[in-house]
Amino acid sequence: NSSSLLKTFLVQVFLVEIRKREERGKGLPERYGRDKKYPDSTSHAKKEKN
C-alpha cells in the first residue's frame, strides 16, 4: 500500500524537522549565555541584526 508508505515517510520527515528545531532551540540559549558573560558580543550581535 503506497499511501501507508507515504504516511510513514511524512512522519519521518516531520520527526527530523522537530529534532532540527530542538537542536536550534538548544543552541540559542547557549549563545545568549555566552553573551551575558561578554556584554560586548551582545551589543555586536544587536548591531548585526539591525
C-alpha atoms as a PDB file:
ATOM      1  CA  ASN A   1       0.000   0.000   0.000  1.00  0.00           C
ATOM      2  CA  SER A   2       1.642   3.188  -1.227  1.00  0.00           C
ATOM      3  CA  SER A   3      -0.414   5.521   0.987  1.00  0.00           C
ATOM      4  CA  SER A   4       0.888   3.865   4.171  1.00  0.00           C
ATOM      5  CA  LEU A   5       4.449   4.207   2.849  1.00  0.00           C
ATOM      6  CA  LEU A   6       3.816   7.877   2.171  1.00  0.00           C
ATOM      7  CA  LYS A   7       2.448   8.365   5.682  1.00  0.00           C
ATOM      8  CA  THR A   8       5.497   6.742   7.294  1.00  0.00           C
ATOM      9  CA  PHE A   9       7.754   8.863   5.092  1.00  0.00           C
ATOM     10  CA  LEU A  10       5.963  12.068   6.105  1.00  0.00           C
ATOM     11  CA  VAL A  11       6.183  11.075   9.773  1.00  0.00           C
ATOM     12  CA  GLN A  12       9.940  10.517   9.409  1.00  0.00           C
ATOM     13  CA  VAL A  13      10.410  13.926   7.769  1.00  0.00           C
ATOM     14  CA  PHE A  14       8.257  15.518  10.467  1.00  0.00           C
ATOM     15  CA  LEU A  15      10.325  13.937  13.256  1.00  0.00           C
ATOM     16  CA  VAL A  16      13.571  15.049  11.632  1.00  0.00           C
ATOM     17  CA  GLU A  17      12.267  18.624  11.371  1.00  0.00           C
ATOM     18  CA  ILE A  18      11.280  18.627  15.052  1.00  0.00           C
ATOM     19  CA  ARG A  19      14.729  17.333  16.005  1.00  0.00           C
ATOM     20  CA  LYS A  20      16.399  20.074  13.939  1.00  0.00           C
ATOM     21  CA  ARG A  21      14.280  22.754  15.620  1.00  0.00           C
ATOM     22  CA  GLU A  22      15.001  21.341  19.082  1.00  0.00           C
ATOM     23  CA  GLU A  23      18.730  21.392  18.340  1.00  0.00           C
ATOM     24  CA  ARG A  24      18.462  25.016  17.179  1.00  0.00           C
ATOM     25  CA  GLY A  25      16.485  25.850  20.321  1.00  0.00           C
ATOM     26  CA  LYS A  26      19.203  24.291  22.467  1.00  0.00           C
ATOM     27  CA  GLY A  27      21.883  26.220  20.590  1.00  0.00           C
ATOM     28  CA  LEU A  28      20.291  29.635  21.113  1.00  0.00           C
ATOM     29  CA  PRO A  29      20.339  29.767  24.948  1.00  0.00           C
ATOM     30  CA  GLU A  30      23.997  28.727  24.882  1.00  0.00           C
ATOM     31  CA  ARG A  31      24.803  31.710  22.675  1.00  0.00           C
ATOM     32  CA  TYR A  32      22.846  34.107  24.872  1.00  0.00           C
ATOM     33  CA  GLY A  33      24.507  32.614  27.950  1.00  0.00           C
ATOM     34  CA  ARG A  34      27.908  33.392  26.459  1.00  0.00           C
ATOM     35  CA  ASP A  35      26.770  36.913  25.590  1.00  0.00           C
ATOM     36  CA  LYS A  36      25.816  37.530  29.225  1.00  0.00           C
ATOM     37  CA  LYS A  37      29.405  36.758  30.200  1.00  0.00           C
ATOM     38  CA  TYR A  38      30.712  39.052  27.471  1.00  0.00           C
ATOM     39  CA  PRO A  39      28.474  42.150  27.084  1.00  0.00           C
ATOM     40  CA  ASP A  40      30.497  43.298  24.049  1.00  0.00           C
ATOM     41  CA  SER A  41      29.334  40.309  21.994  1.00  0.00           C
ATOM     42  CA  THR A  42      25.666  41.117  22.812  1.00  0.00           C
ATOM     43  CA  SER A  43      25.933  44.680  21.532  1.00  0.00           C
ATOM     44  CA  HIS A  44      27.808  43.373  18.487  1.00  0.00           C
ATOM     45  CA  ALA A  45      25.026  40.832  17.794  1.00  0.00           C
ATOM     46  CA  LYS A  46      22.383  43.567  18.072  1.00  0.00           C
ATOM     47  CA  LYS A  47      24.260  45.696  15.525  1.00  0.00           C
ATOM     48  CA  GLU A  48      24.386  42.749  13.112  1.00  0.00           C
ATOM     49  CA  LYS A  49      20.619  42.133  13.408  1.00  0.00           C
ATOM     50  CA  ASN A  50      19.728  45.728  12.537  1.00  0.00           C
END
